[in-house]
Amino acid sequence: MKSFSTIQSPHLFSFTRFYTSITTRTRFTFPAKLFFCQAKSVGFHSGTDGSLNIKVVPTTLFAAEKEEARAVLTLFFKKLGLSTAIAARIINKSDLFIDHLLAKLHQKHKSRYLVGRELTTLEIRDALNTFLDSLLEEHGNNLVRVVEYYPDPPGKEQSTVLPIPPPPRPTLESKKHKAVSRVSEIDPFAGKLRPHIAYLMELGMEIEQIRTIVRRFPSFVYYSLEGKIKPVVEFFLELGIPKEDIPTILAKRPQLCGISLSENLKPTMKFLESLGVDKKQWAKVIYRFPALLTYSRQKLKESVDFLQEIGISDESIGKILTRCPNIVSYSVEDNLRPTAKYFRSLGVDVGILLFRCPQNFGLSIETNLKPVTEFFLDRGYTVDEIGTMISRFGALYTFSLTGNLIPKWDFFMTMDYPTSELVKFPQFFGYSLEERIKPRYARMKESGVKLLLNQVLSLSSSNFEKVLKKKMEKMQVNQDSSFISKTAQ
């Protein structure tokens, strides 16, 4: 590898950059090079032999790519079974390896950088994940040590060139703090807030809301206005999303602004439309779950394949994705399949249940589902009866035990109904205790008649009063007839 050229500038600083070239399946070479670059920018241009040399590129882009590389590495470690805390601790000590990841990224896409085209978030992720997969295949369980001790991982032949000690590396928190402070920085040239921050505030975002987004996703503060944020916002407005909803969408999924419209967002939408998503409902779909547009086609197809597997028609799949798009965020193996198996054990048709209330499949079996089942078993219901209840009222298991089921059950026990009435009408648990159940029941008791539980709760106010009146008149007729009959005797 050729040495890096030196860029002349009145403000120079030096740092160490290590590059790794994998020459065989078992041997790493880690030459260290000292170079200089401007404090304002870093980047690459192509040498005559195809190698990469330094060229001016905005540091904001470099910083954003670095944050994305950290995010990719974090997710990669978590997939290997490491906890978030351990992954973060390793990555905080692995800036040299992250620099190396970016070097591989720039080398792979150097033609894009030469013409000034930024990579999208998905392109960055795909390139880095491919490289990490190859390293995992080569090093197996030793990959973590390779990352942590780069450029001289233990057990490998040490570099013959002694590396120059790197400058102190900022912690994750200090990087977040720097990104957050940038939100309210005054542009030194314009004398006002940076253009993309001012634009977001014009959309209705508060400065503190932008800071909150940046704390969670630091790369957002480095996105360019004209190249990333504005095109996505204008596209959403064209889809019919109200301007006042844009801040909520960006707060939920700021990564949307890092995705290419032409190469990712629009093709993903076309793919989802081919799966049945109603194109007229995109405004509602995106507002409900903006992350839907950031998933890979493979992930989307996995979810759809499972829905087809349990017998849901293509038309119904489209309706599910439109009404409850976050279904694709559930893991097929960790959520969907085990939950389907659990509900089958209760005698439930899981295809119908998922269509009616897909939210059930995002619940924890141990934390949410089993406690509800045990609640009804403890009160004398059979498994078949519980299965009937959930089949008739799909949202039953989505309610809190302490905040909903228990207090409503306690009041039900004061009502003059058998417990079997809840098997017929489990929707009882979906009505407000204070605003519907208690007032309606008190009104019925006051009238002196008795209605079916579903009549008490499901009828509109006017129809409820009509049914009460009719019942009262019928009761009066029966009483009069009985009185006449007794008198005649």
Protein backbone atom coordinates (compact mmCIF):
# COMPACT_ATOMS: atom_id res chain seq x y z
CA MET A 1 0.00 0.00 0.00
CA LYS A 2 1.31 3.40 -0.93
CA SER A 3 1.95 5.93 1.77
CA PHE A 4 -0.49 8.78 2.23
CA SER A 5 0.25 12.19 0.79
CA THR A 6 0.49 15.21 3.05
CA ILE A 7 -2.04 18.03 2.73
CA GLN A 8 -0.61 21.45 3.47
CA SER A 9 -2.65 23.59 5.87
CA PRO A 10 -1.97 26.27 8.50
CA HIS A 11 -3.74 24.03 11.00
CA LEU A 12 -2.32 20.52 10.91
CA PHE A 13 -2.79 17.66 13.25
CA SER A 14 -1.50 14.10 13.02
CA PHE A 15 -3.05 10.83 13.87
CA THR A 16 -2.38 7.16 13.14
CA ARG A 17 -4.34 5.24 10.59
CA PHE A 18 -3.99 1.51 10.26
CA TYR A 19 -5.06 -0.48 7.26
CA THR A 20 -5.38 -4.22 7.07
CA SER A 21 -4.96 -6.25 3.92
CA ILE A 22 -6.06 -9.84 4.15
CA THR A 23 -3.45 -11.71 2.13
CA THR A 24 -4.44 -15.25 3.11
CA ARG A 25 -7.15 -16.98 5.10
CA THR A 26 -4.99 -17.12 8.22
CA ARG A 27 -2.56 -14.21 8.15
CA PHE A 28 -3.06 -10.48 8.72
CA THR A 29 -0.58 -7.72 7.88
CA PHE A 30 -0.99 -4.42 9.70
CA PRO A 31 1.35 -1.72 8.35
CA ALA A 32 1.09 1.55 10.22
CA LYS A 33 1.41 4.91 8.47
CA LEU A 34 1.68 8.37 9.86
CA PHE A 35 0.00 11.11 7.84
CA PHE A 36 -1.35 14.60 8.10
CA CYS A 37 -4.72 16.03 7.12
CA GLN A 38 -6.67 19.19 7.41
CA ALA A 39 -8.72 19.74 10.52
CA LYS A 40 -11.64 20.64 8.30
CA SER A 41 -11.85 17.54 6.16
CA VAL A 42 -10.61 14.08 5.32
CA GLY A 43 -11.19 11.68 2.44
CA PHE A 44 -9.64 9.86 -0.49
CA HIS A 45 -8.72 10.11 -4.17
CA SER A 46 -7.50 7.45 -6.50
CA GLY A 47 -3.80 6.98 -7.23
CA THR A 48 -2.48 5.93 -10.60
CA ASP A 49 -2.28 2.33 -9.43
CA GLY A 50 -5.81 2.25 -8.03
CA SER A 51 -4.72 2.79 -4.45
CA LEU A 52 -6.31 5.43 -2.23
CA ASN A 53 -4.73 8.69 -1.20
CA ILE A 54 -6.03 11.54 0.93
CA LYS A 55 -8.40 14.04 -0.61
CA VAL A 56 -10.60 16.75 0.89
CA VAL A 57 -14.03 15.43 1.99
CA PRO A 58 -16.33 17.10 4.58
CA THR A 59 -15.65 15.90 8.10
CA THR A 60 -19.39 15.87 8.70
CA LEU A 61 -19.72 13.03 6.20
CA PHE A 62 -16.77 11.18 7.71
CA ALA A 63 -18.25 11.58 11.22
CA ALA A 64 -21.65 10.33 10.08
CA GLU A 65 -20.11 7.27 8.43
CA LYS A 66 -18.12 6.57 11.58
CA GLU A 67 -21.27 6.65 13.71
CA GLU A 68 -22.96 4.30 11.25
CA ALA A 69 -19.97 1.93 11.38
CA ARG A 70 -20.23 1.86 15.20
CA ALA A 71 -23.93 1.06 14.92
CA VAL A 72 -23.30 -1.76 12.44
CA LEU A 73 -20.57 -3.24 14.65
CA THR A 74 -22.83 -3.02 17.72
CA LEU A 75 -25.64 -4.93 15.98
CA PHE A 76 -23.15 -7.47 14.65
CA PHE A 77 -21.83 -8.18 18.15
CA LYS A 78 -25.36 -8.46 19.53
CA LYS A 79 -26.18 -11.06 16.88
CA LEU A 80 -23.16 -12.99 18.13
CA GLY A 81 -24.76 -13.08 21.58
CA LEU A 82 -22.98 -10.21 23.31
CA SER A 83 -24.98 -7.91 25.56
CA THR A 84 -25.41 -4.26 24.62
CA ALA A 85 -23.15 -3.20 27.49
CA ILE A 86 -20.31 -5.55 26.53
CA ALA A 87 -20.59 -4.63 22.85
CA ALA A 88 -20.42 -0.93 23.72
CA ARG A 89 -17.39 -1.47 25.96
CA ILE A 90 -15.49 -3.27 23.19
CA ILE A 91 -16.42 -0.73 20.53
CA ASN A 92 -15.36 2.18 22.75
CA LYS A 93 -11.85 0.72 22.65
CA SER A 94 -11.89 -0.10 18.94
CA ASP A 95 -11.64 3.20 17.09
CA LEU A 96 -8.69 1.92 15.06
CA PHE A 97 -10.72 -1.02 13.80
CA ILE A 98 -13.63 1.29 12.97
CA ASP A 99 -11.25 3.49 10.99
CA HIS A 100 -10.21 0.33 9.20
CA LEU A 101 -13.86 -0.49 8.41
CA LEU A 102 -14.26 2.93 6.83
CA ALA A 103 -11.07 2.43 4.81
CA LYS A 104 -12.55 -0.79 3.40
CA LEU A 105 -15.80 1.04 2.68
CA HIS A 106 -14.05 3.88 0.85
CA GLN A 107 -11.93 1.47 -1.12
CA LYS A 108 -14.96 -0.52 -2.27
CA HIS A 109 -16.92 2.57 -3.29
CA LYS A 110 -14.09 4.90 -4.28
CA SER A 111 -15.73 5.66 -7.64
CA ARG A 112 -18.73 7.09 -5.78
CA TYR A 113 -16.54 9.34 -3.65
CA LEU A 114 -14.63 10.59 -6.68
CA VAL A 115 -17.83 12.09 -8.12
CA GLY A 116 -19.02 13.39 -4.74
CA ARG A 117 -21.92 10.94 -4.26
CA GLU A 118 -22.64 9.97 -0.66
CA LEU A 119 -23.46 6.37 0.24
CA THR A 120 -26.86 5.63 1.69
CA THR A 121 -27.26 4.10 5.14
CA LEU A 122 -28.24 0.75 3.67
CA GLU A 123 -25.27 0.73 1.31
CA ILE A 124 -22.92 1.40 4.22
CA ARG A 125 -24.52 -1.37 6.27
CA ASP A 126 -24.45 -3.90 3.44
CA ALA A 127 -20.77 -3.24 2.68
CA LEU A 128 -19.64 -3.37 6.31
CA ASN A 129 -21.72 -6.44 7.17
CA THR A 130 -20.25 -8.31 4.20
CA PHE A 131 -16.74 -7.52 5.42
CA LEU A 132 -17.58 -8.48 9.04
CA ASP A 133 -19.11 -11.76 7.87
CA SER A 134 -15.87 -12.64 6.07
CA LEU A 135 -13.86 -11.84 9.21
CA LEU A 136 -16.20 -13.96 11.33
CA GLU A 137 -15.79 -16.89 8.95
CA GLU A 138 -12.02 -16.53 9.15
CA HIS A 139 -11.56 -15.91 12.88
CA GLY A 140 -14.67 -17.45 14.47
CA ASN A 141 -14.80 -16.86 18.22
CA ASN A 142 -11.58 -14.85 18.07
CA LEU A 143 -13.22 -12.06 16.08
CA VAL A 144 -13.95 -10.00 19.21
CA ARG A 145 -10.26 -10.04 20.16
CA VAL A 146 -9.29 -9.15 16.59
CA VAL A 147 -11.51 -6.09 16.79
CA GLU A 148 -10.48 -5.06 20.30
CA TYR A 149 -6.72 -5.41 19.77
CA TYR A 150 -6.53 -4.24 16.17
CA PRO A 151 -4.07 -3.78 14.48
CA ASP A 152 -2.14 -6.47 16.43
CA PRO A 153 -4.68 -9.09 17.57
CA PRO A 154 -3.31 -11.59 20.11
CA GLY A 155 -2.14 -14.82 18.58
CA LYS A 156 -1.24 -13.18 15.28
CA GLU A 157 2.24 -12.23 14.14
CA GLN A 158 2.88 -8.71 15.40
CA SER A 159 3.57 -5.96 12.90
CA THR A 160 7.25 -5.40 12.27
CA VAL A 161 6.60 -1.66 12.21
CA LEU A 162 5.94 -0.30 15.67
CA PRO A 163 2.71 1.70 15.56
CA ILE A 164 2.80 5.31 16.63
CA PRO A 165 0.63 5.67 19.75
CA PRO A 166 -2.74 7.13 18.75
CA PRO A 167 -4.07 10.29 20.37
CA PRO A 168 -6.56 9.90 23.23
CA ARG A 169 -9.79 8.54 21.85
CA PRO A 170 -13.07 10.19 22.83
CA THR A 171 -15.62 8.08 24.64
CA LEU A 172 -19.05 7.31 23.25
CA GLU A 173 -20.61 9.80 25.64
CA SER A 174 -18.22 12.58 24.59
CA LYS A 175 -19.06 11.92 20.93
CA LYS A 176 -22.76 12.11 21.71
CA HIS A 177 -22.19 15.32 23.62
CA LYS A 178 -20.32 16.80 20.65
CA ALA A 179 -23.12 15.82 18.29
CA VAL A 180 -25.80 17.25 20.60
CA SER A 181 -23.90 20.51 21.06
CA ARG A 182 -23.76 20.86 17.28
CA VAL A 183 -27.57 21.15 17.19
CA SER A 184 -27.53 24.63 18.71
CA GLU A 185 -24.21 25.79 17.24
CA ILE A 186 -24.22 28.98 15.23
CA ASP A 187 -22.88 28.61 11.70
CA PRO A 188 -19.66 30.74 11.72
CA PHE A 189 -20.24 31.85 8.13
CA ALA A 190 -23.99 32.52 8.18
CA GLY A 191 -24.19 33.72 11.77
CA LYS A 192 -27.28 31.64 12.52
CA LEU A 193 -28.32 28.04 13.19
CA ARG A 194 -27.13 25.49 10.67
CA PRO A 195 -29.49 25.22 7.66
CA HIS A 196 -30.81 21.71 8.39
CA ILE A 197 -31.55 22.61 12.02
CA ALA A 198 -33.39 25.78 10.97
CA TYR A 199 -35.33 23.76 8.38
CA LEU A 200 -36.40 21.17 10.96
CA MET A 201 -37.58 23.93 13.27
CA GLU A 202 -39.62 25.42 10.42
CA LEU A 203 -41.33 22.05 10.13
CA GLY A 204 -42.40 22.38 13.74
CA MET A 205 -39.64 20.56 15.62
CA GLU A 206 -38.48 22.02 18.91
CA ILE A 207 -34.74 22.38 19.47
CA GLU A 208 -34.94 19.99 22.43
CA GLN A 209 -36.75 17.42 20.28
CA ILE A 210 -33.89 17.58 17.77
CA ARG A 211 -31.38 17.13 20.60
CA THR A 212 -33.29 14.06 21.79
CA ILE A 213 -33.09 12.54 18.30
CA VAL A 214 -29.36 13.24 18.10
CA ARG A 215 -28.71 11.69 21.52
CA ARG A 216 -30.30 8.51 20.24
CA PHE A 217 -28.91 8.70 16.71
CA PRO A 218 -25.87 11.07 16.52
CA SER A 219 -25.46 10.69 12.74
CA PHE A 220 -28.66 12.66 12.21
CA VAL A 221 -26.97 15.96 13.07
CA TYR A 222 -24.46 15.45 10.23
CA TYR A 223 -27.05 14.82 7.50
CA SER A 224 -27.03 17.48 4.80
CA LEU A 225 -30.18 19.51 4.22
CA GLU A 226 -30.31 19.45 0.42
CA GLY A 227 -28.82 16.00 -0.04
CA LYS A 228 -30.72 13.99 2.58
CA ILE A 229 -33.29 15.67 4.85
CA LYS A 230 -35.20 17.95 2.49
CA PRO A 231 -35.76 15.41 -0.35
CA VAL A 232 -37.25 12.88 2.10
CA VAL A 233 -39.48 15.46 3.78
CA GLU A 234 -40.76 16.78 0.43
CA PHE A 235 -41.45 13.22 -0.73
CA PHE A 236 -43.50 12.52 2.40
CA LEU A 237 -45.47 15.72 1.86
CA GLU A 238 -46.21 14.61 -1.72
CA LEU A 239 -47.59 11.33 -0.33
CA GLY A 240 -50.14 13.32 1.63
CA ILE A 241 -48.51 13.20 5.03
CA PRO A 242 -49.57 16.36 6.91
CA LYS A 243 -46.72 18.74 7.64
CA GLU A 244 -47.47 18.56 11.37
CA ASP A 245 -46.86 14.77 11.31
CA ILE A 246 -43.35 15.04 9.83
CA PRO A 247 -41.63 15.81 13.19
CA THR A 248 -43.21 12.72 14.76
CA ILE A 249 -42.09 10.52 11.87
CA LEU A 250 -38.50 11.82 11.94
CA ALA A 251 -38.38 11.47 15.73
CA LYS A 252 -39.47 7.84 15.45
CA ARG A 253 -37.05 6.94 12.65
CA PRO A 254 -34.41 9.59 11.85
CA GLN A 255 -32.54 6.97 9.79
CA LEU A 256 -35.08 7.61 7.01
CA CYS A 257 -33.14 10.73 6.07
CA GLY A 258 -30.03 8.62 5.46
CA ILE A 259 -31.73 6.40 2.88
CA SER A 260 -31.65 7.10 -0.85
CA LEU A 261 -35.07 7.93 -2.29
CA SER A 262 -34.41 6.51 -5.74
CA GLU A 263 -32.35 3.49 -4.73
CA ASN A 264 -34.03 2.40 -1.49
CA LEU A 265 -37.18 4.18 -0.28
CA LYS A 266 -39.20 4.16 -3.50
CA PRO A 267 -38.19 0.61 -4.53
CA THR A 268 -39.06 -0.64 -1.03
CA MET A 269 -42.48 0.99 -1.29
CA LYS A 270 -43.06 -0.61 -4.70
CA PHE A 271 -42.08 -3.98 -3.25
CA LEU A 272 -44.51 -3.54 -0.34
CA GLU A 273 -47.25 -2.53 -2.75
CA SER A 274 -46.62 -5.79 -4.63
CA LEU A 275 -47.26 -7.55 -1.31
CA GLY A 276 -50.62 -5.84 -0.96
CA VAL A 277 -49.97 -2.60 0.90
CA ASP A 278 -52.60 -0.07 -0.16
CA LYS A 279 -50.73 2.70 -2.02
CA LYS A 280 -53.50 5.15 -1.08
CA GLN A 281 -52.75 4.56 2.61
CA TRP A 282 -49.01 5.32 2.61
CA ALA A 283 -49.45 8.47 4.67
CA LYS A 284 -51.11 6.48 7.47
CA VAL A 285 -48.74 3.51 7.14
CA ILE A 286 -45.61 5.66 7.41
CA TYR A 287 -47.00 7.63 10.34
CA ARG A 288 -47.91 4.42 12.19
CA PHE A 289 -44.56 2.73 11.62
CA PRO A 290 -41.94 4.74 9.69
CA ALA A 291 -39.30 2.05 10.31
CA LEU A 292 -41.13 -0.15 7.79
CA LEU A 293 -39.28 1.60 4.94
CA THR A 294 -35.87 0.88 6.47
CA TYR A 295 -36.16 -2.92 6.50
CA SER A 296 -34.43 -5.04 3.88
CA ARG A 297 -36.45 -6.96 1.32
CA GLN A 298 -35.20 -10.18 2.88
CA LYS A 299 -36.65 -9.21 6.26
CA LEU A 300 -39.96 -8.15 4.71
CA LYS A 301 -40.18 -11.37 2.71
CA GLU A 302 -39.47 -13.48 5.81
CA SER A 303 -42.45 -11.93 7.55
CA VAL A 304 -44.73 -12.37 4.54
CA ASP A 305 -43.61 -15.97 4.03
CA PHE A 306 -44.62 -16.73 7.62
CA LEU A 307 -48.04 -15.13 7.18
CA GLN A 308 -48.59 -17.28 4.09
CA GLU A 309 -47.35 -20.32 6.00
CA ILE A 310 -50.10 -20.02 8.62
CA GLY A 311 -52.77 -19.73 5.96
CA ILE A 312 -53.34 -16.00 5.55
CA SER A 313 -54.42 -15.00 2.05
CA ASP A 314 -52.44 -12.51 -0.03
CA GLU A 315 -55.31 -10.01 0.20
CA SER A 316 -55.38 -10.29 4.00
CA ILE A 317 -51.59 -9.97 4.18
CA GLY A 318 -51.85 -6.65 2.38
CA LYS A 319 -54.48 -5.48 4.86
CA ILE A 320 -52.34 -6.57 7.82
CA LEU A 321 -49.28 -4.71 6.50
CA THR A 322 -51.40 -1.62 5.91
CA ARG A 323 -53.22 -1.69 9.25
CA CYS A 324 -50.40 -2.98 11.44
CA PRO A 325 -47.09 -2.47 9.56
CA ASN A 326 -44.99 -3.07 12.70
CA ILE A 327 -45.73 -6.79 12.31
CA VAL A 328 -42.55 -6.92 10.18
CA SER A 329 -40.49 -5.81 13.17
CA TYR A 330 -41.29 -9.05 15.00
CA SER A 331 -38.75 -11.84 14.63
CA VAL A 332 -40.23 -14.88 12.90
CA GLU A 333 -38.28 -17.34 15.02
CA ASP A 334 -38.29 -15.43 18.33
CA ASN A 335 -41.83 -13.97 18.25
CA LEU A 336 -44.18 -14.99 15.47
CA ARG A 337 -43.65 -18.75 15.36
CA PRO A 338 -43.53 -19.38 19.15
CA THR A 339 -46.58 -17.15 19.70
CA ALA A 340 -48.51 -18.97 16.97
CA LYS A 341 -47.64 -22.29 18.63
CA TYR A 342 -48.82 -21.00 22.01
CA PHE A 343 -52.19 -19.82 20.72
CA ARG A 344 -52.67 -23.10 18.85
CA SER A 345 -52.30 -24.88 22.20
CA LEU A 346 -55.40 -22.94 23.30
CA GLY A 347 -57.34 -24.11 20.25
CA VAL A 348 -57.16 -20.76 18.46
CA ASP A 349 -57.03 -20.34 14.67
CA VAL A 350 -53.82 -18.29 14.57
CA GLY A 351 -54.38 -17.06 11.03
CA ILE A 352 -57.70 -15.44 11.98
CA LEU A 353 -56.27 -14.12 15.24
CA LEU A 354 -53.25 -12.55 13.54
CA PHE A 355 -55.51 -10.90 10.97
CA ARG A 356 -57.84 -9.51 13.62
CA CYS A 357 -55.25 -8.49 16.19
CA PRO A 358 -51.61 -8.78 15.02
CA GLN A 359 -50.48 -6.90 18.16
CA ASN A 360 -50.74 -10.19 20.09
CA PHE A 361 -47.70 -11.48 18.26
CA GLY A 362 -45.43 -8.80 19.63
CA LEU A 363 -46.19 -9.80 23.23
CA SER A 364 -43.93 -11.91 25.44
CA ILE A 365 -45.27 -15.40 26.05
CA GLU A 366 -43.89 -15.56 29.58
CA THR A 367 -44.55 -11.96 30.63
CA ASN A 368 -47.86 -11.22 28.88
CA LEU A 369 -49.64 -14.27 27.49
CA LYS A 370 -49.22 -16.96 30.13
CA PRO A 371 -50.25 -14.69 33.05
CA VAL A 372 -53.55 -13.87 31.27
CA THR A 373 -54.22 -17.55 30.60
CA GLU A 374 -53.47 -18.40 34.24
CA PHE A 375 -55.77 -15.57 35.37
CA PHE A 376 -58.77 -17.15 33.65
CA LEU A 377 -57.78 -20.71 34.59
CA ASP A 378 -57.64 -19.66 38.26
CA ARG A 379 -61.21 -18.36 37.95
CA GLY A 380 -62.59 -21.64 36.72
CA TYR A 381 -62.48 -21.36 32.96
CA THR A 382 -61.29 -24.29 30.84
CA VAL A 383 -58.61 -24.06 28.15
CA ASP A 384 -61.32 -24.49 25.50
CA GLU A 385 -63.35 -21.63 26.97
CA ILE A 386 -60.28 -19.39 27.06
CA GLY A 387 -59.59 -20.29 23.42
CA THR A 388 -63.17 -19.33 22.55
CA MET A 389 -62.80 -16.01 24.36
CA ILE A 390 -59.61 -15.03 22.55
CA SER A 391 -61.09 -16.17 19.22
CA ARG A 392 -64.13 -13.95 19.76
CA PHE A 393 -62.16 -10.99 21.10
CA GLY A 394 -58.63 -10.93 19.69
CA ALA A 395 -57.51 -7.96 21.81
CA LEU A 396 -58.21 -9.78 25.09
CA TYR A 397 -54.56 -10.67 25.70
CA THR A 398 -53.33 -7.16 24.95
CA PHE A 399 -54.89 -5.77 28.15
CA SER A 400 -53.04 -5.23 31.42
CA LEU A 401 -53.92 -7.61 34.24
CA THR A 402 -53.69 -5.07 37.03
CA GLY A 403 -54.96 -2.09 35.07
CA ASN A 404 -57.80 -3.76 33.22
CA LEU A 405 -58.71 -7.43 33.65
CA ILE A 406 -58.62 -7.66 37.45
CA PRO A 407 -60.67 -4.52 38.29
CA LYS A 408 -63.25 -5.35 35.63
CA TRP A 409 -63.46 -8.93 36.81
CA ASP A 410 -63.99 -7.76 40.38
CA PHE A 411 -66.89 -5.56 39.29
CA PHE A 412 -68.32 -8.30 37.09
CA MET A 413 -68.59 -10.50 40.16
CA THR A 414 -71.02 -7.94 41.66
CA MET A 415 -73.24 -8.11 38.56
CA ASP A 416 -76.06 -10.62 38.24
CA TYR A 417 -74.51 -12.66 35.46
CA PRO A 418 -73.00 -16.16 35.36
CA THR A 419 -69.29 -16.41 34.52
CA SER A 420 -70.27 -18.18 31.28
CA GLU A 421 -71.54 -14.79 30.04
CA LEU A 422 -67.92 -13.69 29.58
CA VAL A 423 -67.28 -16.65 27.25
CA LYS A 424 -70.18 -15.42 25.13
CA PHE A 425 -69.14 -11.78 25.38
CA PRO A 426 -65.41 -11.36 26.24
CA GLN A 427 -65.61 -7.86 24.68
CA PHE A 428 -66.76 -6.85 28.17
CA PHE A 429 -63.07 -6.30 28.98
CA GLY A 430 -62.71 -3.82 26.14
CA TYR A 431 -65.17 -1.27 27.57
CA SER A 432 -64.33 1.47 30.06
CA LEU A 433 -65.25 0.45 33.60
CA GLU A 434 -66.05 3.95 34.81
CA GLU A 435 -67.52 5.47 31.66
CA ARG A 436 -69.46 2.53 30.22
CA ILE A 437 -69.79 -0.58 32.36
CA LYS A 438 -70.79 0.94 35.72
CA PRO A 439 -73.17 3.64 34.34
CA ARG A 440 -74.94 1.23 31.96
CA TYR A 441 -75.33 -1.44 34.61
CA ALA A 442 -76.67 1.08 37.14
CA ARG A 443 -79.20 2.34 34.56
CA MET A 444 -80.38 -1.20 33.88
CA LYS A 445 -80.78 -1.97 37.58
CA GLU A 446 -82.70 1.28 38.02
CA SER A 447 -85.14 0.27 35.26
CA GLY A 448 -85.88 -3.02 36.97
CA VAL A 449 -85.24 -5.16 33.88
CA LYS A 450 -82.40 -7.43 32.82
CA LEU A 451 -80.59 -7.39 29.50
CA LEU A 452 -77.94 -9.62 28.03
CA LEU A 453 -74.43 -8.41 28.82
CA ASN A 454 -73.72 -7.55 25.19
CA GLN A 455 -76.94 -5.49 25.04
CA VAL A 456 -75.88 -3.51 28.09
CA LEU A 457 -72.54 -2.52 26.59
CA SER A 458 -72.51 -2.78 22.81
CA LEU A 459 -75.60 -0.75 21.94
CA SER A 460 -75.46 2.97 21.26
CA SER A 461 -76.96 5.24 23.92
CA SER A 462 -80.18 5.76 21.98
CA ASN A 463 -80.64 2.06 21.14
CA PHE A 464 -79.82 1.11 24.73
CA GLU A 465 -82.61 3.35 25.97
CA LYS A 466 -85.01 1.97 23.34
CA VAL A 467 -84.30 -1.62 24.40
CA LEU A 468 -84.74 -0.68 28.06
CA LYS A 469 -88.05 1.03 27.32
CA LYS A 470 -89.30 -1.94 25.31
CA LYS A 471 -88.30 -4.34 28.07
CA MET A 472 -89.98 -2.18 30.69
CA GLU A 473 -93.20 -2.00 28.64
CA LYS A 474 -93.18 -5.75 28.12
CA MET A 475 -92.60 -6.31 31.82
CA GLN A 476 -95.53 -3.98 32.59
CA VAL A 477 -97.81 -5.87 30.18
CA ASN A 478 -96.83 -9.17 31.79
CA GLN A 479 -97.49 -7.77 35.25
CA ASP A 480 -100.92 -6.45 34.17
CA SER A 481 -101.83 -9.74 32.59
CA SER A 482 -100.80 -11.61 35.71
CA PHE A 483 -102.87 -9.26 37.88
CA ILE A 484 -105.97 -9.68 35.67
CA SER A 485 -105.55 -13.45 35.70
CA LYS A 486 -105.36 -13.55 39.48
CA THR A 487 -108.39 -11.24 39.81
CA ALA A 488 -110.47 -13.44 37.47
CA GLN A 489 -109.72 -16.47 39.62
